[in-house]
């Protein structure tokens, strides 16, 4: 119960702090509209029948990843330069628990991009999101959120260990758009890059969302993809646990969390 209170308190505080920053408001309000317009212009003359599904989900997931990526790096960097990162780490609450509350807040704000994309598409392009398998789409959507939380918990300790978090942040954003198939299917990627795409949980999450919305051809393959996504997410949680333990050990030895 104590951990839940810490997560909820961190969640509320981080929501208000993040939304008060102009850059973050741009990421979750303006950027989804830009992504939606660009993807609409890309897909409007394509052969896809329900191309608006690609537009809405693609722009929404791009905004969600940008929100998680920028905030995960920016939060660590901001705490470091304000001199509060050491205090967070040494507080009675576990650093992992505090970061989990921040990740939940970033994910919640990032999901607003998908809602804005849907509203923008409906208002200006008279389109809507087509969903064929409602219950499976709901499960896929929940797994998508879980997958983004898991990958955020992996990159958060990496940003904590690095003194160049902003550089890492800029290097991670757009490659993930391509590798995970947010904008277009990964089938068109070179074969030597696909193993890296399959190792990323958002790849399977966006595949499940598209299949459950457009129509599932092979249900056994669909359920197999759910198992693969769950396995990757559990692996991410295990890796994040090891990374946070590594941070704990290095911090006690080298005291490296500060700016100097």
C-alpha atoms as a PDB file:
ATOM      1  CA  UNK A   1       0.000   0.000   0.000  1.00  0.00           C
ATOM      2  CA  UNK A   2       2.900   2.341   0.720  1.00  0.00           C
ATOM      3  CA  UNK A   3       4.305   1.767  -2.785  1.00  0.00           C
ATOM      4  CA  UNK A   4       0.895   2.422  -4.336  1.00  0.00           C
ATOM      5  CA  UNK A   5       0.630   5.705  -2.462  1.00  0.00           C
ATOM      6  CA  UNK A   6       4.098   6.712  -3.658  1.00  0.00           C
ATOM      7  CA  UNK A   7       3.234   5.827  -7.261  1.00  0.00           C
ATOM      8  CA  UNK A   8      -0.064   7.733  -7.107  1.00  0.00           C
ATOM      9  CA  UNK A   9       1.504  10.801  -5.467  1.00  0.00           C
ATOM     10  CA  UNK A  10       4.348  10.838  -7.999  1.00  0.00           C
ATOM     11  CA  UNK A  11       1.814  10.358 -10.781  1.00  0.00           C
ATOM     12  CA  UNK A  12      -0.269  13.401  -9.761  1.00  0.00           C
ATOM     13  CA  UNK A  13       2.730  15.629  -9.153  1.00  0.00           C
ATOM     14  CA  UNK A  14       4.397  14.650 -12.409  1.00  0.00           C
ATOM     15  CA  UNK A  15       1.224  15.269 -14.417  1.00  0.00           C
ATOM     16  CA  UNK A  16       1.017  18.857 -13.205  1.00  0.00           C
ATOM     17  CA  UNK A  17       4.753  19.499 -13.587  1.00  0.00           C
ATOM     18  CA  UNK A  18       4.944  18.060 -17.110  1.00  0.00           C
ATOM     19  CA  UNK A  19       1.879  19.868 -18.400  1.00  0.00           C
ATOM     20  CA  UNK A  20       3.205  23.174 -17.057  1.00  0.00           C
ATOM     21  CA  UNK A  21       6.167  23.009 -19.464  1.00  0.00           C
ATOM     22  CA  UNK A  22       5.601  24.587 -22.884  1.00  0.00           C
ATOM     23  CA  UNK A  23       7.800  22.074 -24.691  1.00  0.00           C
ATOM     24  CA  UNK A  24       5.896  19.130 -23.291  1.00  0.00           C
ATOM     25  CA  UNK A  25       2.547  20.737 -24.150  1.00  0.00           C
ATOM     26  CA  UNK A  26       3.820  21.045 -27.721  1.00  0.00           C
ATOM     27  CA  UNK A  27       4.744  17.328 -27.729  1.00  0.00           C
ATOM     28  CA  UNK A  28       1.310  16.150 -26.583  1.00  0.00           C
ATOM     29  CA  UNK A  29      -0.948  18.740 -28.251  1.00  0.00           C
ATOM     30  CA  UNK A  30       0.623  20.233 -31.385  1.00  0.00           C
ATOM     31  CA  UNK A  31       2.926  17.417 -32.464  1.00  0.00           C
ATOM     32  CA  UNK A  32       0.140  14.781 -32.802  1.00  0.00           C
ATOM     33  CA  UNK A  33      -1.728  17.109 -35.163  1.00  0.00           C
ATOM     34  CA  UNK A  34       1.396  17.575 -37.283  1.00  0.00           C
ATOM     35  CA  UNK A  35       1.992  13.825 -37.395  1.00  0.00           C
ATOM     36  CA  UNK A  36      -1.653  13.229 -38.331  1.00  0.00           C
ATOM     37  CA  UNK A  37      -1.556  15.695 -41.205  1.00  0.00           C
ATOM     38  CA  UNK A  38       1.735  14.334 -42.567  1.00  0.00           C
ATOM     39  CA  UNK A  39       0.578  10.693 -42.403  1.00  0.00           C
ATOM     40  CA  UNK A  40      -2.766  11.602 -43.978  1.00  0.00           C
ATOM     41  CA  UNK A  41      -0.996  13.211 -46.932  1.00  0.00           C
ATOM     42  CA  UNK A  42       1.231  10.121 -47.213  1.00  0.00           C
ATOM     43  CA  UNK A  43      -1.614   7.577 -47.167  1.00  0.00           C
ATOM     44  CA  UNK A  44      -4.577   9.351 -48.793  1.00  0.00           C
ATOM     45  CA  UNK A  45      -3.716   8.104 -52.307  1.00  0.00           C
ATOM     46  CA  UNK A  46      -2.479   4.691 -51.197  1.00  0.00           C
ATOM     47  CA  UNK A  47      -4.047   1.332 -51.956  1.00  0.00           C
ATOM     48  CA  UNK A  48      -4.994   0.722 -48.306  1.00  0.00           C
ATOM     49  CA  UNK A  49      -8.773   0.623 -47.843  1.00  0.00           C
ATOM     50  CA  UNK A  50      -8.742   1.650 -44.183  1.00  0.00           C
ATOM     51  CA  UNK A  51      -5.700   3.881 -44.400  1.00  0.00           C
ATOM     52  CA  UNK A  52      -7.061   6.173 -41.677  1.00  0.00           C
ATOM     53  CA  UNK A  53      -6.277   3.396 -39.171  1.00  0.00           C
ATOM     54  CA  UNK A  54      -2.622   3.766 -40.134  1.00  0.00           C
ATOM     55  CA  UNK A  55      -2.907   7.546 -39.827  1.00  0.00           C
ATOM     56  CA  UNK A  56      -4.599   7.612 -36.411  1.00  0.00           C
ATOM     57  CA  UNK A  57      -2.630   4.806 -34.772  1.00  0.00           C
ATOM     58  CA  UNK A  58       0.650   5.833 -36.391  1.00  0.00           C
ATOM     59  CA  UNK A  59       0.431   9.460 -35.306  1.00  0.00           C
ATOM     60  CA  UNK A  60      -0.855   8.489 -31.862  1.00  0.00           C
ATOM     61  CA  UNK A  61       1.960   6.018 -31.212  1.00  0.00           C
ATOM     62  CA  UNK A  62       4.575   8.438 -32.538  1.00  0.00           C
ATOM     63  CA  UNK A  63       3.309  11.049 -30.087  1.00  0.00           C
ATOM     64  CA  UNK A  64       3.238   8.504 -27.266  1.00  0.00           C
ATOM     65  CA  UNK A  65       6.814   7.438 -27.912  1.00  0.00           C
ATOM     66  CA  UNK A  66       7.991  11.064 -28.182  1.00  0.00           C
ATOM     67  CA  UNK A  67       6.314  11.837 -24.883  1.00  0.00           C
ATOM     68  CA  UNK A  68       7.935   8.882 -23.126  1.00  0.00           C
ATOM     69  CA  UNK A  69      11.327   9.363 -24.747  1.00  0.00           C
ATOM     70  CA  UNK A  70      11.629  13.109 -24.212  1.00  0.00           C
ATOM     71  CA  UNK A  71      10.154  13.080 -20.736  1.00  0.00           C
ATOM     72  CA  UNK A  72      12.176  10.092 -19.539  1.00  0.00           C
ATOM     73  CA  UNK A  73      15.386  11.805 -20.577  1.00  0.00           C
ATOM     74  CA  UNK A  74      14.281  15.308 -19.685  1.00  0.00           C
ATOM     75  CA  UNK A  75      13.066  14.330 -16.224  1.00  0.00           C
ATOM     76  CA  UNK A  76      16.356  12.674 -15.297  1.00  0.00           C
ATOM     77  CA  UNK A  77      18.351  15.574 -16.720  1.00  0.00           C
ATOM     78  CA  UNK A  78      16.155  18.123 -14.966  1.00  0.00           C
ATOM     79  CA  UNK A  79      16.405  16.382 -11.603  1.00  0.00           C
ATOM     80  CA  UNK A  80      20.175  16.129 -12.037  1.00  0.00           C
ATOM     81  CA  UNK A  81      20.696  19.840 -12.778  1.00  0.00           C
ATOM     82  CA  UNK A  82      18.327  20.914  -9.997  1.00  0.00           C
ATOM     83  CA  UNK A  83      20.311  18.795  -7.556  1.00  0.00           C
ATOM     84  CA  UNK A  84      17.312  16.664  -6.583  1.00  0.00           C
ATOM     85  CA  UNK A  85      18.257  13.398  -8.310  1.00  0.00           C
ATOM     86  CA  UNK A  86      20.397  12.354  -5.353  1.00  0.00           C
ATOM     87  CA  UNK A  87      17.527  13.167  -2.976  1.00  0.00           C
ATOM     88  CA  UNK A  88      15.108  11.050  -4.980  1.00  0.00           C
ATOM     89  CA  UNK A  89      17.542   8.167  -4.964  1.00  0.00           C
ATOM     90  CA  UNK A  90      18.159   8.385  -1.206  1.00  0.00           C
ATOM     91  CA  UNK A  91      14.511   8.936  -0.217  1.00  0.00           C
ATOM     92  CA  UNK A  92      12.654   6.338   1.907  1.00  0.00           C
ATOM     93  CA  UNK A  93      10.735   5.317  -1.213  1.00  0.00           C
ATOM     94  CA  UNK A  94      12.533   3.196  -3.743  1.00  0.00           C
ATOM     95  CA  UNK A  95      13.890   5.014  -6.788  1.00  0.00           C
ATOM     96  CA  UNK A  96      12.244   2.370  -8.986  1.00  0.00           C
ATOM     97  CA  UNK A  97       8.837   3.131  -7.455  1.00  0.00           C
ATOM     98  CA  UNK A  98       9.238   6.868  -8.034  1.00  0.00           C
ATOM     99  CA  UNK A  99      10.288   6.325 -11.650  1.00  0.00           C
ATOM    100  CA  UNK A 100       7.298   4.032 -12.182  1.00  0.00           C
ATOM    101  CA  UNK A 101       4.963   6.844 -11.128  1.00  0.00           C
ATOM    102  CA  UNK A 102       6.709   9.213 -13.551  1.00  0.00           C
ATOM    103  CA  UNK A 103       6.464   6.659 -16.377  1.00  0.00           C
ATOM    104  CA  UNK A 104       2.728   6.170 -15.764  1.00  0.00           C
ATOM    105  CA  UNK A 105       2.228   9.943 -15.901  1.00  0.00           C
ATOM    106  CA  UNK A 106       4.218  10.282 -19.138  1.00  0.00           C
ATOM    107  CA  UNK A 107       2.281   7.412 -20.711  1.00  0.00           C
ATOM    108  CA  UNK A 108      -1.068   8.910 -19.694  1.00  0.00           C
ATOM    109  CA  UNK A 109      -0.173  12.288 -21.188  1.00  0.00           C
ATOM    110  CA  UNK A 110       1.210  10.614 -24.304  1.00  0.00           C
ATOM    111  CA  UNK A 111      -2.058   8.734 -24.874  1.00  0.00           C
ATOM    112  CA  UNK A 112      -3.811  12.065 -25.293  1.00  0.00           C
ATOM    113  CA  UNK A 113      -2.024  12.339 -28.634  1.00  0.00           C
ATOM    114  CA  UNK A 114      -3.997   9.393 -29.985  1.00  0.00           C
ATOM    115  CA  UNK A 115      -7.264  11.016 -28.862  1.00  0.00           C
ATOM    116  CA  UNK A 116      -6.296  14.322 -30.483  1.00  0.00           C
ATOM    117  CA  UNK A 117      -5.339  12.500 -33.686  1.00  0.00           C
ATOM    118  CA  UNK A 118      -8.725  10.771 -33.757  1.00  0.00           C
ATOM    119  CA  UNK A 119     -10.566  14.061 -33.189  1.00  0.00           C
ATOM    120  CA  UNK A 120      -8.464  15.884 -35.790  1.00  0.00           C
ATOM    121  CA  UNK A 121      -9.082  13.166 -38.382  1.00  0.00           C
ATOM    122  CA  UNK A 122     -12.817  13.165 -37.704  1.00  0.00           C
ATOM    123  CA  UNK A 123     -13.114  16.956 -37.794  1.00  0.00           C
ATOM    124  CA  UNK A 124     -10.977  17.809 -40.826  1.00  0.00           C
ATOM    125  CA  UNK A 125     -10.913  14.613 -42.895  1.00  0.00           C
ATOM    126  CA  UNK A 126     -14.324  13.189 -41.917  1.00  0.00           C
ATOM    127  CA  UNK A 127     -12.703   9.893 -40.993  1.00  0.00           C
ATOM    128  CA  UNK A 128     -12.921   7.525 -38.066  1.00  0.00           C
ATOM    129  CA  UNK A 129     -11.076   4.576 -36.570  1.00  0.00           C
ATOM    130  CA  UNK A 130     -12.402   1.281 -37.907  1.00  0.00           C
ATOM    131  CA  UNK A 131     -12.367  -1.543 -35.324  1.00  0.00           C
ATOM    132  CA  UNK A 132     -13.464  -5.024 -36.361  1.00  0.00           C
ATOM    133  CA  UNK A 133     -12.656  -7.007 -33.202  1.00  0.00           C
ATOM    134  CA  UNK A 134     -13.588  -4.712 -30.318  1.00  0.00           C
ATOM    135  CA  UNK A 135     -12.666  -6.974 -27.400  1.00  0.00           C
ATOM    136  CA  UNK A 136      -9.343  -8.058 -28.906  1.00  0.00           C
ATOM    137  CA  UNK A 137      -8.588  -4.435 -29.765  1.00  0.00           C
ATOM    138  CA  UNK A 138      -9.159  -3.496 -26.118  1.00  0.00           C
ATOM    139  CA  UNK A 139      -6.763  -6.247 -25.001  1.00  0.00           C
ATOM    140  CA  UNK A 140      -4.224  -5.144 -27.621  1.00  0.00           C
ATOM    141  CA  UNK A 141      -4.535  -1.531 -26.492  1.00  0.00           C
ATOM    142  CA  UNK A 142      -3.913  -2.510 -22.864  1.00  0.00           C
ATOM    143  CA  UNK A 143      -0.887  -4.606 -23.896  1.00  0.00           C
ATOM    144  CA  UNK A 144       0.377  -1.671 -25.966  1.00  0.00           C
ATOM    145  CA  UNK A 145       0.299   0.589 -22.900  1.00  0.00           C
ATOM    146  CA  UNK A 146       2.013  -2.109 -20.830  1.00  0.00           C
ATOM    147  CA  UNK A 147       4.715  -2.541 -23.494  1.00  0.00           C
ATOM    148  CA  UNK A 148       5.484   1.190 -23.526  1.00  0.00           C
ATOM    149  CA  UNK A 149       5.679   1.263 -19.730  1.00  0.00           C
ATOM    150  CA  UNK A 150       8.126  -1.664 -19.811  1.00  0.00           C
ATOM    151  CA  UNK A 151      10.404  -0.148 -22.441  1.00  0.00           C
ATOM    152  CA  UNK A 152      10.305   3.191 -20.596  1.00  0.00           C
ATOM    153  CA  UNK A 153      11.491   1.421 -17.439  1.00  0.00           C
ATOM    154  CA  UNK A 154      14.449   0.094 -19.445  1.00  0.00           C
ATOM    155  CA  UNK A 155      15.537   3.408 -20.938  1.00  0.00           C
ATOM    156  CA  UNK A 156      15.028   5.396 -17.701  1.00  0.00           C
ATOM    157  CA  UNK A 157      17.987   3.797 -15.852  1.00  0.00           C
ATOM    158  CA  UNK A 158      20.090   4.090 -19.018  1.00  0.00           C
ATOM    159  CA  UNK A 159      19.415   7.831 -19.012  1.00  0.00           C
ATOM    160  CA  UNK A 160      20.226   7.911 -15.311  1.00  0.00           C
ATOM    161  CA  UNK A 161      23.597   6.256 -15.876  1.00  0.00           C
ATOM    162  CA  UNK A 162      24.476   8.560 -18.762  1.00  0.00           C
ATOM    163  CA  UNK A 163      25.549  12.193 -18.467  1.00  0.00           C
ATOM    164  CA  UNK A 164      24.447  12.728 -22.100  1.00  0.00           C
ATOM    165  CA  UNK A 165      20.785  11.875 -21.672  1.00  0.00           C
ATOM    166  CA  UNK A 166      19.572  14.477 -24.166  1.00  0.00           C
ATOM    167  CA  UNK A 167      21.857  13.150 -26.896  1.00  0.00           C
ATOM    168  CA  UNK A 168      20.566   9.621 -26.286  1.00  0.00           C
ATOM    169  CA  UNK A 169      17.014  10.942 -26.333  1.00  0.00           C
ATOM    170  CA  UNK A 170      17.463  12.516 -29.762  1.00  0.00           C
ATOM    171  CA  UNK A 171      19.087   9.345 -31.093  1.00  0.00           C
ATOM    172  CA  UNK A 172      16.256   7.093 -29.909  1.00  0.00           C
ATOM    173  CA  UNK A 173      13.155   8.890 -31.110  1.00  0.00           C
ATOM    174  CA  UNK A 174      13.019   8.594 -34.907  1.00  0.00           C
ATOM    175  CA  UNK A 175      14.798   5.216 -35.293  1.00  0.00           C
ATOM    176  CA  UNK A 176      12.053   3.641 -33.169  1.00  0.00           C
ATOM    177  CA  UNK A 177       9.406   5.172 -35.462  1.00  0.00           C
ATOM    178  CA  UNK A 178      10.971   3.242 -38.334  1.00  0.00           C
ATOM    179  CA  UNK A 179      12.073   0.055 -36.579  1.00  0.00           C
ATOM    180  CA  UNK A 180       8.745  -0.558 -34.856  1.00  0.00           C
ATOM    181  CA  UNK A 181       6.546   0.177 -37.864  1.00  0.00           C
ATOM    182  CA  UNK A 182       4.675   3.170 -36.478  1.00  0.00           C
ATOM    183  CA  UNK A 183       4.568   4.875 -39.874  1.00  0.00           C
ATOM    184  CA  UNK A 184       4.725   1.904 -42.260  1.00  0.00           C
ATOM    185  CA  UNK A 185       4.895  -1.906 -41.904  1.00  0.00           C
ATOM    186  CA  UNK A 186       8.319  -3.320 -41.076  1.00  0.00           C
ATOM    187  CA  UNK A 187       7.955  -5.797 -43.961  1.00  0.00           C
ATOM    188  CA  UNK A 188       9.594  -3.257 -46.275  1.00  0.00           C
ATOM    189  CA  UNK A 189      12.678  -2.946 -44.062  1.00  0.00           C
ATOM    190  CA  UNK A 190      15.918  -4.712 -45.045  1.00  0.00           C
ATOM    191  CA  UNK A 191      16.115  -8.265 -43.719  1.00  0.00           C
ATOM    192  CA  UNK A 192      19.232  -7.591 -41.620  1.00  0.00           C
ATOM    193  CA  UNK A 193      17.379  -4.906 -39.620  1.00  0.00           C
ATOM    194  CA  UNK A 194      14.223  -6.925 -38.893  1.00  0.00           C
ATOM    195  CA  UNK A 195      15.701  -8.902 -35.929  1.00  0.00           C
ATOM    196  CA  UNK A 196      16.231  -5.582 -34.152  1.00  0.00           C
ATOM    197  CA  UNK A 197      12.632  -4.623 -34.887  1.00  0.00           C
ATOM    198  CA  UNK A 198      11.356  -7.928 -33.494  1.00  0.00           C
ATOM    199  CA  UNK A 199      13.313  -7.351 -30.272  1.00  0.00           C
ATOM    200  CA  UNK A 200      11.369  -4.126 -29.578  1.00  0.00           C
ATOM    201  CA  UNK A 201       8.021  -4.514 -27.813  1.00  0.00           C
ATOM    202  CA  UNK A 202       6.231  -1.641 -29.657  1.00  0.00           C
ATOM    203  CA  UNK A 203       6.691  -3.609 -32.904  1.00  0.00           C
ATOM    204  CA  UNK A 204       4.396  -6.361 -31.640  1.00  0.00           C
ATOM    205  CA  UNK A 205       2.042  -3.894 -29.962  1.00  0.00           C
ATOM    206  CA  UNK A 206       1.337  -1.944 -33.157  1.00  0.00           C
ATOM    207  CA  UNK A 207       0.953  -5.223 -35.067  1.00  0.00           C
ATOM    208  CA  UNK A 208      -1.685  -6.431 -32.602  1.00  0.00           C
ATOM    209  CA  UNK A 209      -3.528  -3.106 -32.785  1.00  0.00           C
ATOM    210  CA  UNK A 210      -3.647  -3.119 -36.573  1.00  0.00           C
ATOM    211  CA  UNK A 211      -4.697  -6.741 -36.861  1.00  0.00           C
ATOM    212  CA  UNK A 212      -7.465  -6.424 -34.264  1.00  0.00           C
ATOM    213  CA  UNK A 213      -8.795  -3.249 -35.877  1.00  0.00           C
ATOM    214  CA  UNK A 214      -8.528  -4.157 -39.574  1.00  0.00           C
ATOM    215  CA  UNK A 215      -9.356  -7.851 -39.229  1.00  0.00           C
ATOM    216  CA  UNK A 216      -7.518 -10.944 -38.030  1.00  0.00           C
ATOM    217  CA  UNK A 217      -6.693 -13.456 -40.754  1.00  0.00           C
ATOM    218  CA  UNK A 218      -5.024 -16.097 -38.555  1.00  0.00           C
ATOM    219  CA  UNK A 219      -6.185 -16.162 -34.923  1.00  0.00           C
ATOM    220  CA  UNK A 220      -3.518 -18.663 -33.864  1.00  0.00           C
ATOM    221  CA  UNK A 221      -0.813 -16.309 -35.163  1.00  0.00           C
ATOM    222  CA  UNK A 222      -2.503 -13.397 -33.397  1.00  0.00           C
ATOM    223  CA  UNK A 223      -2.463 -15.197 -30.041  1.00  0.00           C
ATOM    224  CA  UNK A 224       1.138 -16.235 -30.638  1.00  0.00           C
ATOM    225  CA  UNK A 225       2.044 -12.579 -31.117  1.00  0.00           C
ATOM    226  CA  UNK A 226       0.372 -11.798 -27.779  1.00  0.00           C
ATOM    227  CA  UNK A 227       2.568 -14.409 -26.076  1.00  0.00           C
ATOM    228  CA  UNK A 228       5.675 -12.993 -27.753  1.00  0.00           C
ATOM    229  CA  UNK A 229       4.807  -9.457 -26.624  1.00  0.00           C
ATOM    230  CA  UNK A 230       4.200 -10.625 -23.035  1.00  0.00           C
ATOM    231  CA  UNK A 231       7.515 -12.497 -23.029  1.00  0.00           C
ATOM    232  CA  UNK A 232       9.422  -9.439 -24.301  1.00  0.00           C
ATOM    233  CA  UNK A 233       7.749  -7.199 -21.709  1.00  0.00           C
ATOM    234  CA  UNK A 234       8.670  -9.591 -18.882  1.00  0.00           C
ATOM    235  CA  UNK A 235      12.229  -9.658 -20.219  1.00  0.00           C
ATOM    236  CA  UNK A 236      12.264  -5.838 -20.229  1.00  0.00           C
ATOM    237  CA  UNK A 237      11.111  -5.774 -16.604  1.00  0.00           C
ATOM    238  CA  UNK A 238      13.902  -8.173 -15.665  1.00  0.00           C
ATOM    239  CA  UNK A 239      16.477  -6.038 -17.510  1.00  0.00           C
ATOM    240  CA  UNK A 240      15.193  -2.850 -15.880  1.00  0.00           C
ATOM    241  CA  UNK A 241      15.488  -4.509 -12.476  1.00  0.00           C
ATOM    242  CA  UNK A 242      19.133  -5.372 -13.187  1.00  0.00           C
ATOM    243  CA  UNK A 243      19.842  -1.839 -14.421  1.00  0.00           C
ATOM    244  CA  UNK A 244      18.332  -0.235 -11.329  1.00  0.00           C
ATOM    245  CA  UNK A 245      20.433  -2.563  -9.140  1.00  0.00           C
ATOM    246  CA  UNK A 246      23.471  -1.489 -11.169  1.00  0.00           C
ATOM    247  CA  UNK A 247      22.614   2.167 -10.531  1.00  0.00           C
ATOM    248  CA  UNK A 248      22.278   1.467  -6.824  1.00  0.00           C
ATOM    249  CA  UNK A 249      25.713  -0.176  -6.703  1.00  0.00           C
ATOM    250  CA  UNK A 250      27.500   2.473  -8.780  1.00  0.00           C
ATOM    251  CA  UNK A 251      25.882   5.302  -6.852  1.00  0.00           C
ATOM    252  CA  UNK A 252      27.102   3.974  -3.529  1.00  0.00           C
ATOM    253  CA  UNK A 253      30.636   3.515  -4.921  1.00  0.00           C
ATOM    254  CA  UNK A 254      31.137   6.546  -7.170  1.00  0.00           C
ATOM    255  CA  UNK A 255      28.332   8.978  -6.211  1.00  0.00           C
ATOM    256  CA  UNK A 256      27.920   9.946  -9.868  1.00  0.00           C
ATOM    257  CA  UNK A 257      24.299  11.161  -9.963  1.00  0.00           C
ATOM    258  CA  UNK A 258      25.179  14.856  -9.690  1.00  0.00           C
ATOM    259  CA  UNK A 259      26.295  17.208 -12.439  1.00  0.00           C
ATOM    260  CA  UNK A 260      29.967  17.080 -11.541  1.00  0.00           C
END
